[in-house]
Amino acid sequence: GLTQAEADPDTLFAGRVASYERYQGEK
């Protein structure tokens, strides 16, 4: 919640944490 919450309160589909998870796998 602290690091991966959406910056935009009106985001239609939350994607920040999904991007983070994919990045960690790729890394």
mmCIF file of all heavy atoms, coordinates in Angstrom:
data_MODEL
# 
_entry.id   MODEL 
# 
loop_
_atom_site.group_PDB 
_atom_site.id 
_atom_site.type_symbol 
_atom_site.label_atom_id 
_atom_site.label_alt_id 
_atom_site.label_comp_id 
_atom_site.label_asym_id 
_atom_site.label_entity_id 
_atom_site.label_seq_id 
_atom_site.pdbx_PDB_ins_code 
_atom_site.Cartn_x 
_atom_site.Cartn_y 
_atom_site.Cartn_z 
_atom_site.occupancy 
_atom_site.B_iso_or_equiv 
_atom_site.pdbx_formal_charge 
_atom_site.auth_seq_id 
_atom_site.auth_comp_id 
_atom_site.auth_asym_id 
_atom_site.auth_atom_id 
_atom_site.pdbx_PDB_model_num 
ATOM 1   N N   . GLY A 1 1  ? 0.809   -1.215  0.000   1.00 0.00 ? 1  GLY A N   1 
ATOM 2   C CA  . GLY A 1 1  ? 0.000   0.000   0.000   1.00 0.00 ? 1  GLY A CA  1 
ATOM 3   C C   . GLY A 1 1  ? 0.837   1.257   0.000   1.00 0.00 ? 1  GLY A C   1 
ATOM 4   O O   . GLY A 1 1  ? 0.481   2.269   -0.620  1.00 0.00 ? 1  GLY A O   1 
ATOM 5   N N   . LEU A 1 2  ? 1.977   1.203   0.678   1.00 0.00 ? 2  LEU A N   1 
ATOM 6   C CA  . LEU A 1 2  ? 2.849   2.365   0.762   1.00 0.00 ? 2  LEU A CA  1 
ATOM 7   C C   . LEU A 1 2  ? 3.577   2.635   -0.549  1.00 0.00 ? 2  LEU A C   1 
ATOM 8   O O   . LEU A 1 2  ? 3.728   3.794   -0.958  1.00 0.00 ? 2  LEU A O   1 
ATOM 9   C CB  . LEU A 1 2  ? 3.867   2.158   1.886   1.00 0.00 ? 2  LEU A CB  1 
ATOM 10  C CG  . LEU A 1 2  ? 4.891   3.274   2.108   1.00 0.00 ? 2  LEU A CG  1 
ATOM 11  C CD1 . LEU A 1 2  ? 4.203   4.535   2.605   1.00 0.00 ? 2  LEU A CD1 1 
ATOM 12  C CD2 . LEU A 1 2  ? 5.968   2.811   3.096   1.00 0.00 ? 2  LEU A CD2 1 
ATOM 13  N N   . THR A 1 3  ? 4.026   1.577   -1.218  1.00 0.00 ? 3  THR A N   1 
ATOM 14  C CA  . THR A 1 3  ? 4.909   1.769   -2.373  1.00 0.00 ? 3  THR A CA  1 
ATOM 15  C C   . THR A 1 3  ? 4.237   1.572   -3.729  1.00 0.00 ? 3  THR A C   1 
ATOM 16  O O   . THR A 1 3  ? 4.749   2.066   -4.740  1.00 0.00 ? 3  THR A O   1 
ATOM 17  C CB  . THR A 1 3  ? 6.100   0.799   -2.290  1.00 0.00 ? 3  THR A CB  1 
ATOM 18  O OG1 . THR A 1 3  ? 5.616   -0.558  -2.354  1.00 0.00 ? 3  THR A OG1 1 
ATOM 19  C CG2 . THR A 1 3  ? 6.881   1.009   -1.008  1.00 0.00 ? 3  THR A CG2 1 
ATOM 20  N N   . GLN A 1 4  ? 3.099   0.868   -3.781  1.00 0.00 ? 4  GLN A N   1 
ATOM 21  C CA  . GLN A 1 4  ? 2.533   0.513   -5.079  1.00 0.00 ? 4  GLN A CA  1 
ATOM 22  C C   . GLN A 1 4  ? 1.101   1.004   -5.290  1.00 0.00 ? 4  GLN A C   1 
ATOM 23  O O   . GLN A 1 4  ? 0.436   0.582   -6.240  1.00 0.00 ? 4  GLN A O   1 
ATOM 24  C CB  . GLN A 1 4  ? 2.573   -1.017  -5.269  1.00 0.00 ? 4  GLN A CB  1 
ATOM 25  C CG  . GLN A 1 4  ? 3.954   -1.620  -5.170  1.00 0.00 ? 4  GLN A CG  1 
ATOM 26  C CD  . GLN A 1 4  ? 4.936   -1.000  -6.147  1.00 0.00 ? 4  GLN A CD  1 
ATOM 27  O OE1 . GLN A 1 4  ? 4.581   -0.711  -7.287  1.00 0.00 ? 4  GLN A OE1 1 
ATOM 28  N NE2 . GLN A 1 4  ? 6.165   -0.790  -5.700  1.00 0.00 ? 4  GLN A NE2 1 
ATOM 29  N N   . ALA A 1 5  ? 0.624   1.870   -4.430  1.00 0.00 ? 5  ALA A N   1 
ATOM 30  C CA  . ALA A 1 5  ? -0.722  2.425   -4.625  1.00 0.00 ? 5  ALA A CA  1 
ATOM 31  C C   . ALA A 1 5  ? -0.752  3.323   -5.862  1.00 0.00 ? 5  ALA A C   1 
ATOM 32  O O   . ALA A 1 5  ? 0.251   3.952   -6.226  1.00 0.00 ? 5  ALA A O   1 
ATOM 33  C CB  . ALA A 1 5  ? -1.142  3.216   -3.387  1.00 0.00 ? 5  ALA A CB  1 
ATOM 34  N N   . GLU A 1 6  ? -1.897  3.388   -6.510  1.00 0.00 ? 6  GLU A N   1 
ATOM 35  C CA  . GLU A 1 6  ? -2.049  4.236   -7.695  1.00 0.00 ? 6  GLU A CA  1 
ATOM 36  C C   . GLU A 1 6  ? -1.964  5.713   -7.310  1.00 0.00 ? 6  GLU A C   1 
ATOM 37  O O   . GLU A 1 6  ? -2.559  6.141   -6.319  1.00 0.00 ? 6  GLU A O   1 
ATOM 38  C CB  . GLU A 1 6  ? -3.393  3.962   -8.373  1.00 0.00 ? 6  GLU A CB  1 
ATOM 39  C CG  . GLU A 1 6  ? -3.552  2.538   -8.886  1.00 0.00 ? 6  GLU A CG  1 
ATOM 40  C CD  . GLU A 1 6  ? -2.580  2.210   -9.992  1.00 0.00 ? 6  GLU A CD  1 
ATOM 41  O OE1 . GLU A 1 6  ? -2.244  3.118   -10.788 1.00 0.00 ? 6  GLU A OE1 1 
ATOM 42  O OE2 . GLU A 1 6  ? -2.140  1.044   -10.073 1.00 0.00 ? 6  GLU A OE2 1 
ATOM 43  N N   . ALA A 1 7  ? -1.227  6.477   -8.086  1.00 0.00 ? 7  ALA A N   1 
ATOM 44  C CA  . ALA A 1 7  ? -1.124  7.913   -7.826  1.00 0.00 ? 7  ALA A CA  1 
ATOM 45  C C   . ALA A 1 7  ? -2.413  8.646   -8.178  1.00 0.00 ? 7  ALA A C   1 
ATOM 46  O O   . ALA A 1 7  ? -2.765  9.642   -7.543  1.00 0.00 ? 7  ALA A O   1 
ATOM 47  C CB  . ALA A 1 7  ? 0.047   8.492   -8.616  1.00 0.00 ? 7  ALA A CB  1 
ATOM 48  N N   . ASP A 1 8  ? -3.120  8.157   -9.179  1.00 0.00 ? 8  ASP A N   1 
ATOM 49  C CA  . ASP A 1 8  ? -4.357  8.780   -9.650  1.00 0.00 ? 8  ASP A CA  1 
ATOM 50  C C   . ASP A 1 8  ? -5.555  8.126   -8.958  1.00 0.00 ? 8  ASP A C   1 
ATOM 51  O O   . ASP A 1 8  ? -5.827  6.941   -9.172  1.00 0.00 ? 8  ASP A O   1 
ATOM 52  C CB  . ASP A 1 8  ? -4.479  8.621   -11.160 1.00 0.00 ? 8  ASP A CB  1 
ATOM 53  C CG  . ASP A 1 8  ? -5.726  9.291   -11.724 1.00 0.00 ? 8  ASP A CG  1 
ATOM 54  O OD1 . ASP A 1 8  ? -6.528  9.832   -10.936 1.00 0.00 ? 8  ASP A OD1 1 
ATOM 55  O OD2 . ASP A 1 8  ? -5.891  9.249   -12.957 1.00 0.00 ? 8  ASP A OD2 1 
ATOM 56  N N   . PRO A 1 9  ? -6.304  8.856   -8.123  1.00 0.00 ? 9  PRO A N   1 
ATOM 57  C CA  . PRO A 1 9  ? -7.439  8.245   -7.420  1.00 0.00 ? 9  PRO A CA  1 
ATOM 58  C C   . PRO A 1 9  ? -8.555  7.804   -8.364  1.00 0.00 ? 9  PRO A C   1 
ATOM 59  O O   . PRO A 1 9  ? -9.409  7.005   -7.974  1.00 0.00 ? 9  PRO A O   1 
ATOM 60  C CB  . PRO A 1 9  ? -7.918  9.357   -6.476  1.00 0.00 ? 9  PRO A CB  1 
ATOM 61  C CG  . PRO A 1 9  ? -7.452  10.620  -7.115  1.00 0.00 ? 9  PRO A CG  1 
ATOM 62  C CD  . PRO A 1 9  ? -6.150  10.281  -7.773  1.00 0.00 ? 9  PRO A CD  1 
ATOM 63  N N   . ASP A 1 10 ? -8.564  8.294   -9.608  1.00 0.00 ? 10 ASP A N   1 
ATOM 64  C CA  . ASP A 1 10 ? -9.605  7.936   -10.572 1.00 0.00 ? 10 ASP A CA  1 
ATOM 65  C C   . ASP A 1 10 ? -9.140  6.912   -11.595 1.00 0.00 ? 10 ASP A C   1 
ATOM 66  O O   . ASP A 1 10 ? -9.756  6.749   -12.658 1.00 0.00 ? 10 ASP A O   1 
ATOM 67  C CB  . ASP A 1 10 ? -10.078 9.200   -11.301 1.00 0.00 ? 10 ASP A CB  1 
ATOM 68  C CG  . ASP A 1 10 ? -10.762 10.184  -10.372 1.00 0.00 ? 10 ASP A CG  1 
ATOM 69  O OD1 . ASP A 1 10 ? -11.445 9.720   -9.432  1.00 0.00 ? 10 ASP A OD1 1 
ATOM 70  O OD2 . ASP A 1 10 ? -10.594 11.396  -10.559 1.00 0.00 ? 10 ASP A OD2 1 
ATOM 71  N N   . THR A 1 11 ? -8.066  6.201   -11.294 1.00 0.00 ? 11 THR A N   1 
ATOM 72  C CA  . THR A 1 11 ? -7.569  5.180   -12.218 1.00 0.00 ? 11 THR A CA  1 
ATOM 73  C C   . THR A 1 11 ? -8.656  4.157   -12.508 1.00 0.00 ? 11 THR A C   1 
ATOM 74  O O   . THR A 1 11 ? -9.301  3.630   -11.593 1.00 0.00 ? 11 THR A O   1 
ATOM 75  C CB  . THR A 1 11 ? -6.347  4.463   -11.611 1.00 0.00 ? 11 THR A CB  1 
ATOM 76  O OG1 . THR A 1 11 ? -5.319  5.422   -11.403 1.00 0.00 ? 11 THR A OG1 1 
ATOM 77  C CG2 . THR A 1 11 ? -5.847  3.368   -12.521 1.00 0.00 ? 11 THR A CG2 1 
ATOM 78  N N   . LEU A 1 12 ? -8.861  3.858   -13.788 1.00 0.00 ? 12 LEU A N   1 
ATOM 79  C CA  . LEU A 1 12 ? -9.905  2.904   -14.176 1.00 0.00 ? 12 LEU A CA  1 
ATOM 80  C C   . LEU A 1 12 ? -9.483  1.476   -13.868 1.00 0.00 ? 12 LEU A C   1 
ATOM 81  O O   . LEU A 1 12 ? -10.243 0.697   -13.288 1.00 0.00 ? 12 LEU A O   1 
ATOM 82  C CB  . LEU A 1 12 ? -10.220 3.053   -15.668 1.00 0.00 ? 12 LEU A CB  1 
ATOM 83  C CG  . LEU A 1 12 ? -11.364 2.181   -16.208 1.00 0.00 ? 12 LEU A CG  1 
ATOM 84  C CD1 . LEU A 1 12 ? -12.667 2.495   -15.467 1.00 0.00 ? 12 LEU A CD1 1 
ATOM 85  C CD2 . LEU A 1 12 ? -11.529 2.408   -17.709 1.00 0.00 ? 12 LEU A CD2 1 
ATOM 86  N N   . PHE A 1 13 ? -8.249  1.122   -14.231 1.00 0.00 ? 13 PHE A N   1 
ATOM 87  C CA  . PHE A 1 13 ? -7.718  -0.212  -13.937 1.00 0.00 ? 13 PHE A CA  1 
ATOM 88  C C   . PHE A 1 13 ? -6.371  -0.031  -13.233 1.00 0.00 ? 13 PHE A C   1 
ATOM 89  O O   . PHE A 1 13 ? -5.457  0.566   -13.797 1.00 0.00 ? 13 PHE A O   1 
ATOM 90  C CB  . PHE A 1 13 ? -7.516  -1.035  -15.213 1.00 0.00 ? 13 PHE A CB  1 
ATOM 91  C CG  . PHE A 1 13 ? -8.788  -1.340  -15.935 1.00 0.00 ? 13 PHE A CG  1 
ATOM 92  C CD1 . PHE A 1 13 ? -9.097  -0.682  -17.113 1.00 0.00 ? 13 PHE A CD1 1 
ATOM 93  C CD2 . PHE A 1 13 ? -9.686  -2.276  -15.437 1.00 0.00 ? 13 PHE A CD2 1 
ATOM 94  C CE1 . PHE A 1 13 ? -10.276 -0.952  -17.789 1.00 0.00 ? 13 PHE A CE1 1 
ATOM 95  C CE2 . PHE A 1 13 ? -10.859 -2.549  -16.104 1.00 0.00 ? 13 PHE A CE2 1 
ATOM 96  C CZ  . PHE A 1 13 ? -11.162 -1.891  -17.283 1.00 0.00 ? 13 PHE A CZ  1 
ATOM 97  N N   . ALA A 1 14 ? -6.285  -0.563  -12.022 1.00 0.00 ? 14 ALA A N   1 
ATOM 98  C CA  . ALA A 1 14 ? -5.035  -0.443  -11.263 1.00 0.00 ? 14 ALA A CA  1 
ATOM 99  C C   . ALA A 1 14 ? -3.940  -1.246  -11.956 1.00 0.00 ? 14 ALA A C   1 
ATOM 100 O O   . ALA A 1 14 ? -4.094  -2.446  -12.182 1.00 0.00 ? 14 ALA A O   1 
ATOM 101 C CB  . ALA A 1 14 ? -5.240  -0.936  -9.837  1.00 0.00 ? 14 ALA A CB  1 
ATOM 102 N N   . GLY A 1 15 ? -2.849  -0.603  -12.300 1.00 0.00 ? 15 GLY A N   1 
ATOM 103 C CA  . GLY A 1 15 ? -1.794  -1.292  -13.028 1.00 0.00 ? 15 GLY A CA  1 
ATOM 104 C C   . GLY A 1 15 ? -0.411  -1.137  -12.452 1.00 0.00 ? 15 GLY A C   1 
ATOM 105 O O   . GLY A 1 15 ? 0.524   -1.818  -12.877 1.00 0.00 ? 15 GLY A O   1 
ATOM 106 N N   . ARG A 1 16 ? -0.255  -0.251  -11.474 1.00 0.00 ? 16 ARG A N   1 
ATOM 107 C CA  . ARG A 1 16 ? 1.088   0.011   -10.970 1.00 0.00 ? 16 ARG A CA  1 
ATOM 108 C C   . ARG A 1 16 ? 1.699   -1.233  -10.318 1.00 0.00 ? 16 ARG A C   1 
ATOM 109 O O   . ARG A 1 16 ? 2.848   -1.599  -10.595 1.00 0.00 ? 16 ARG A O   1 
ATOM 110 C CB  . ARG A 1 16 ? 1.055   1.161   -9.970  1.00 0.00 ? 16 ARG A CB  1 
ATOM 111 C CG  . ARG A 1 16 ? 2.430   1.540   -9.447  1.00 0.00 ? 16 ARG A CG  1 
ATOM 112 C CD  . ARG A 1 16 ? 2.383   2.739   -8.526  1.00 0.00 ? 16 ARG A CD  1 
ATOM 113 N NE  . ARG A 1 16 ? 3.721   3.089   -8.067  1.00 0.00 ? 16 ARG A NE  1 
ATOM 114 C CZ  . ARG A 1 16 ? 3.985   4.061   -7.210  1.00 0.00 ? 16 ARG A CZ  1 
ATOM 115 N NH1 . ARG A 1 16 ? 3.002   4.804   -6.731  1.00 0.00 ? 16 ARG A NH1 1 
ATOM 116 N NH2 . ARG A 1 16 ? 5.230   4.309   -6.840  1.00 0.00 ? 16 ARG A NH2 1 
ATOM 117 N N   . VAL A 1 17 ? 0.938   -1.903  -9.478  1.00 0.00 ? 17 VAL A N   1 
ATOM 118 C CA  . VAL A 1 17 ? 1.486   -3.066  -8.791  1.00 0.00 ? 17 VAL A CA  1 
ATOM 119 C C   . VAL A 1 17 ? 1.694   -4.220  -9.765  1.00 0.00 ? 17 VAL A C   1 
ATOM 120 O O   . VAL A 1 17 ? 2.634   -5.014  -9.628  1.00 0.00 ? 17 VAL A O   1 
ATOM 121 C CB  . VAL A 1 17 ? 0.597   -3.481  -7.598  1.00 0.00 ? 17 VAL A CB  1 
ATOM 122 C CG1 . VAL A 1 17 ? -0.706  -4.132  -8.063  1.00 0.00 ? 17 VAL A CG1 1 
ATOM 123 C CG2 . VAL A 1 17 ? 1.364   -4.423  -6.661  1.00 0.00 ? 17 VAL A CG2 1 
ATOM 124 N N   . ALA A 1 18 ? 0.828   -4.310  -10.786 1.00 0.00 ? 18 ALA A N   1 
ATOM 125 C CA  . ALA A 1 18 ? 1.018   -5.356  -11.795 1.00 0.00 ? 18 ALA A CA  1 
ATOM 126 C C   . ALA A 1 18 ? 2.339   -5.144  -12.529 1.00 0.00 ? 18 ALA A C   1 
ATOM 127 O O   . ALA A 1 18 ? 3.097   -6.098  -12.781 1.00 0.00 ? 18 ALA A O   1 
ATOM 128 C CB  . ALA A 1 18 ? -0.144  -5.350  -12.781 1.00 0.00 ? 18 ALA A CB  1 
ATOM 129 N N   . SER A 1 19 ? 2.620   -3.901  -12.865 1.00 0.00 ? 19 SER A N   1 
ATOM 130 C CA  . SER A 1 19 ? 3.875   -3.588  -13.528 1.00 0.00 ? 19 SER A CA  1 
ATOM 131 C C   . SER A 1 19 ? 5.059   -3.932  -12.632 1.00 0.00 ? 19 SER A C   1 
ATOM 132 O O   . SER A 1 19 ? 6.082   -4.459  -13.098 1.00 0.00 ? 19 SER A O   1 
ATOM 133 C CB  . SER A 1 19 ? 3.905   -2.102  -13.899 1.00 0.00 ? 19 SER A CB  1 
ATOM 134 O OG  . SER A 1 19 ? 5.149   -1.738  -14.441 1.00 0.00 ? 19 SER A OG  1 
ATOM 135 N N   . TYR A 1 20 ? 4.912   -3.659  -11.344 1.00 0.00 ? 20 TYR A N   1 
ATOM 136 C CA  . TYR A 1 20 ? 5.981   -3.946  -10.384 1.00 0.00 ? 20 TYR A CA  1 
ATOM 137 C C   . TYR A 1 20 ? 6.251   -5.450  -10.302 1.00 0.00 ? 20 TYR A C   1 
ATOM 138 O O   . TYR A 1 20 ? 7.410   -5.888  -10.299 1.00 0.00 ? 20 TYR A O   1 
ATOM 139 C CB  . TYR A 1 20 ? 5.582   -3.400  -9.022  1.00 0.00 ? 20 TYR A CB  1 
ATOM 140 C CG  . TYR A 1 20 ? 6.548   -3.693  -7.904  1.00 0.00 ? 20 TYR A CG  1 
ATOM 141 C CD1 . TYR A 1 20 ? 7.762   -3.023  -7.826  1.00 0.00 ? 20 TYR A CD1 1 
ATOM 142 C CD2 . TYR A 1 20 ? 6.234   -4.624  -6.918  1.00 0.00 ? 20 TYR A CD2 1 
ATOM 143 C CE1 . TYR A 1 20 ? 8.651   -3.287  -6.787  1.00 0.00 ? 20 TYR A CE1 1 
ATOM 144 C CE2 . TYR A 1 20 ? 7.112   -4.889  -5.876  1.00 0.00 ? 20 TYR A CE2 1 
ATOM 145 C CZ  . TYR A 1 20 ? 8.315   -4.220  -5.825  1.00 0.00 ? 20 TYR A CZ  1 
ATOM 146 O OH  . TYR A 1 20 ? 9.195   -4.482  -4.796  1.00 0.00 ? 20 TYR A OH  1 
ATOM 147 N N   . GLU A 1 21 ? 5.183   -6.242  -10.236 1.00 0.00 ? 21 GLU A N   1 
ATOM 148 C CA  . GLU A 1 21 ? 5.352   -7.692  -10.153 1.00 0.00 ? 21 GLU A CA  1 
ATOM 149 C C   . GLU A 1 21 ? 6.051   -8.236  -11.398 1.00 0.00 ? 21 GLU A C   1 
ATOM 150 O O   . GLU A 1 21 ? 6.950   -9.083  -11.315 1.00 0.00 ? 21 GLU A O   1 
ATOM 151 C CB  . GLU A 1 21 ? 3.985   -8.368  -9.979  1.00 0.00 ? 21 GLU A CB  1 
ATOM 152 C CG  . GLU A 1 21 ? 3.365   -8.162  -8.614  1.00 0.00 ? 21 GLU A CG  1 
ATOM 153 C CD  . GLU A 1 21 ? 4.096   -8.912  -7.525  1.00 0.00 ? 21 GLU A CD  1 
ATOM 154 O OE1 . GLU A 1 21 ? 4.125   -10.156 -7.570  1.00 0.00 ? 21 GLU A OE1 1 
ATOM 155 O OE2 . GLU A 1 21 ? 4.656   -8.257  -6.623  1.00 0.00 ? 21 GLU A OE2 1 
ATOM 156 N N   . ARG A 1 22 ? 5.643   -7.761  -12.557 1.00 0.00 ? 22 ARG A N   1 
ATOM 157 C CA  . ARG A 1 22 ? 6.275   -8.212  -13.800 1.00 0.00 ? 22 ARG A CA  1 
ATOM 158 C C   . ARG A 1 22 ? 7.742   -7.782  -13.858 1.00 0.00 ? 22 ARG A C   1 
ATOM 159 O O   . ARG A 1 22 ? 8.609   -8.556  -14.292 1.00 0.00 ? 22 ARG A O   1 
ATOM 160 C CB  . ARG A 1 22 ? 5.509   -7.679  -15.009 1.00 0.00 ? 22 ARG A CB  1 
ATOM 161 C CG  . ARG A 1 22 ? 4.156   -8.351  -15.195 1.00 0.00 ? 22 ARG A CG  1 
ATOM 162 C CD  . ARG A 1 22 ? 3.397   -7.824  -16.408 1.00 0.00 ? 22 ARG A CD  1 
ATOM 163 N NE  . ARG A 1 22 ? 2.125   -8.502  -16.545 1.00 0.00 ? 22 ARG A NE  1 
ATOM 164 C CZ  . ARG A 1 22 ? 1.956   -9.661  -17.195 1.00 0.00 ? 22 ARG A CZ  1 
ATOM 165 N NH1 . ARG A 1 22 ? 2.995   -10.246 -17.769 1.00 0.00 ? 22 ARG A NH1 1 
ATOM 166 N NH2 . ARG A 1 22 ? 0.780   -10.223 -17.264 1.00 0.00 ? 22 ARG A NH2 1 
ATOM 167 N N   . TYR A 1 23 ? 7.995   -6.588  -13.385 1.00 0.00 ? 23 TYR A N   1 
ATOM 168 C CA  . TYR A 1 23 ? 9.379   -6.097  -13.370 1.00 0.00 ? 23 TYR A CA  1 
ATOM 169 C C   . TYR A 1 23 ? 10.261  -6.983  -12.499 1.00 0.00 ? 23 TYR A C   1 
ATOM 170 O O   . TYR A 1 23 ? 11.402  -7.307  -12.874 1.00 0.00 ? 23 TYR A O   1 
ATOM 171 C CB  . TYR A 1 23 ? 9.406   -4.652  -12.861 1.00 0.00 ? 23 TYR A CB  1 
ATOM 172 C CG  . TYR A 1 23 ? 10.778  -4.179  -12.464 1.00 0.00 ? 23 TYR A CG  1 
ATOM 173 C CD1 . TYR A 1 23 ? 11.729  -3.846  -13.431 1.00 0.00 ? 23 TYR A CD1 1 
ATOM 174 C CD2 . TYR A 1 23 ? 11.141  -4.067  -11.114 1.00 0.00 ? 23 TYR A CD2 1 
ATOM 175 C CE1 . TYR A 1 23 ? 12.999  -3.420  -13.063 1.00 0.00 ? 23 TYR A CE1 1 
ATOM 176 C CE2 . TYR A 1 23 ? 12.402  -3.643  -10.748 1.00 0.00 ? 23 TYR A CE2 1 
ATOM 177 C CZ  . TYR A 1 23 ? 13.328  -3.322  -11.719 1.00 0.00 ? 23 TYR A CZ  1 
ATOM 178 O OH  . TYR A 1 23 ? 14.589  -2.911  -11.362 1.00 0.00 ? 23 TYR A OH  1 
ATOM 179 N N   . GLN A 1 24 ? 9.759   -7.378  -11.337 1.00 0.00 ? 24 GLN A N   1 
ATOM 180 C CA  . GLN A 1 24 ? 10.562  -8.197  -10.440 1.00 0.00 ? 24 GLN A CA  1 
ATOM 181 C C   . GLN A 1 24 ? 10.880  -9.558  -11.055 1.00 0.00 ? 24 GLN A C   1 
ATOM 182 O O   . GLN A 1 24 ? 11.983  -10.093 -10.883 1.00 0.00 ? 24 GLN A O   1 
ATOM 183 C CB  . GLN A 1 24 ? 9.852   -8.364  -9.096  1.00 0.00 ? 24 GLN A CB  1 
ATOM 184 C CG  . GLN A 1 24 ? 9.772   -7.097  -8.269  1.00 0.00 ? 24 GLN A CG  1 
ATOM 185 C CD  . GLN A 1 24 ? 11.121  -6.582  -7.832  1.00 0.00 ? 24 GLN A CD  1 
ATOM 186 O OE1 . GLN A 1 24 ? 12.075  -7.337  -7.706  1.00 0.00 ? 24 GLN A OE1 1 
ATOM 187 N NE2 . GLN A 1 24 ? 11.214  -5.281  -7.582  1.00 0.00 ? 24 GLN A NE2 1 
ATOM 188 N N   . GLY A 1 25 ? 9.906   -10.143 -11.760 1.00 0.00 ? 25 GLY A N   1 
ATOM 189 C CA  . GLY A 1 25 ? 10.173  -11.401 -12.451 1.00 0.00 ? 25 GLY A CA  1 
ATOM 190 C C   . GLY A 1 25 ? 11.207  -11.242 -13.549 1.00 0.00 ? 25 GLY A C   1 
ATOM 191 O O   . GLY A 1 25 ? 12.147  -12.048 -13.678 1.00 0.00 ? 25 GLY A O   1 
ATOM 192 N N   . GLU A 1 26 ? 11.041  -10.195 -14.345 1.00 0.00 ? 26 GLU A N   1 
ATOM 193 C CA  . GLU A 1 26 ? 11.997  -9.917  -15.421 1.00 0.00 ? 26 GLU A CA  1 
ATOM 194 C C   . GLU A 1 26 ? 13.397  -9.671  -14.852 1.00 0.00 ? 26 GLU A C   1 
ATOM 195 O O   . GLU A 1 26 ? 14.407  -10.116 -15.412 1.00 0.00 ? 26 GLU A O   1 
ATOM 196 C CB  . GLU A 1 26 ? 11.544  -8.690  -16.216 1.00 0.00 ? 26 GLU A CB  1 
ATOM 197 C CG  . GLU A 1 26 ? 10.264  -8.880  -17.010 1.00 0.00 ? 26 GLU A CG  1 
ATOM 198 C CD  . GLU A 1 26 ? 10.515  -9.527  -18.360 1.00 0.00 ? 26 GLU A CD  1 
ATOM 199 O OE1 . GLU A 1 26 ? 11.703  -9.783  -18.671 1.00 0.00 ? 26 GLU A OE1 1 
ATOM 200 O OE2 . GLU A 1 26 ? 9.542   -9.785  -19.073 1.00 0.00 ? 26 GLU A OE2 1 
ATOM 201 N N   . LYS A 1 27 ? 13.461  -8.952  -13.769 1.00 0.00 ? 27 LYS A N   1 
ATOM 202 C CA  . LYS A 1 27 ? 14.743  -8.577  -13.172 1.00 0.00 ? 27 LYS A CA  1 
ATOM 203 C C   . LYS A 1 27 ? 15.548  -9.815  -12.772 1.00 0.00 ? 27 LYS A C   1 
ATOM 204 O O   . LYS A 1 27 ? 16.768  -9.880  -13.013 1.00 0.00 ? 27 LYS A O   1 
ATOM 205 C CB  . LYS A 1 27 ? 14.489  -7.686  -11.958 1.00 0.00 ? 27 LYS A CB  1 
ATOM 206 C CG  . LYS A 1 27 ? 15.739  -7.203  -11.247 1.00 0.00 ? 27 LYS A CG  1 
ATOM 207 C CD  . LYS A 1 27 ? 15.346  -6.320  -10.060 1.00 0.00 ? 27 LYS A CD  1 
ATOM 208 C CE  . LYS A 1 27 ? 16.553  -5.882  -9.256  1.00 0.00 ? 27 LYS A CE  1 
ATOM 209 N NZ  . LYS A 1 27 ? 16.142  -5.071  -8.073  1.00 0.00 ? 27 LYS A NZ  1 
# 
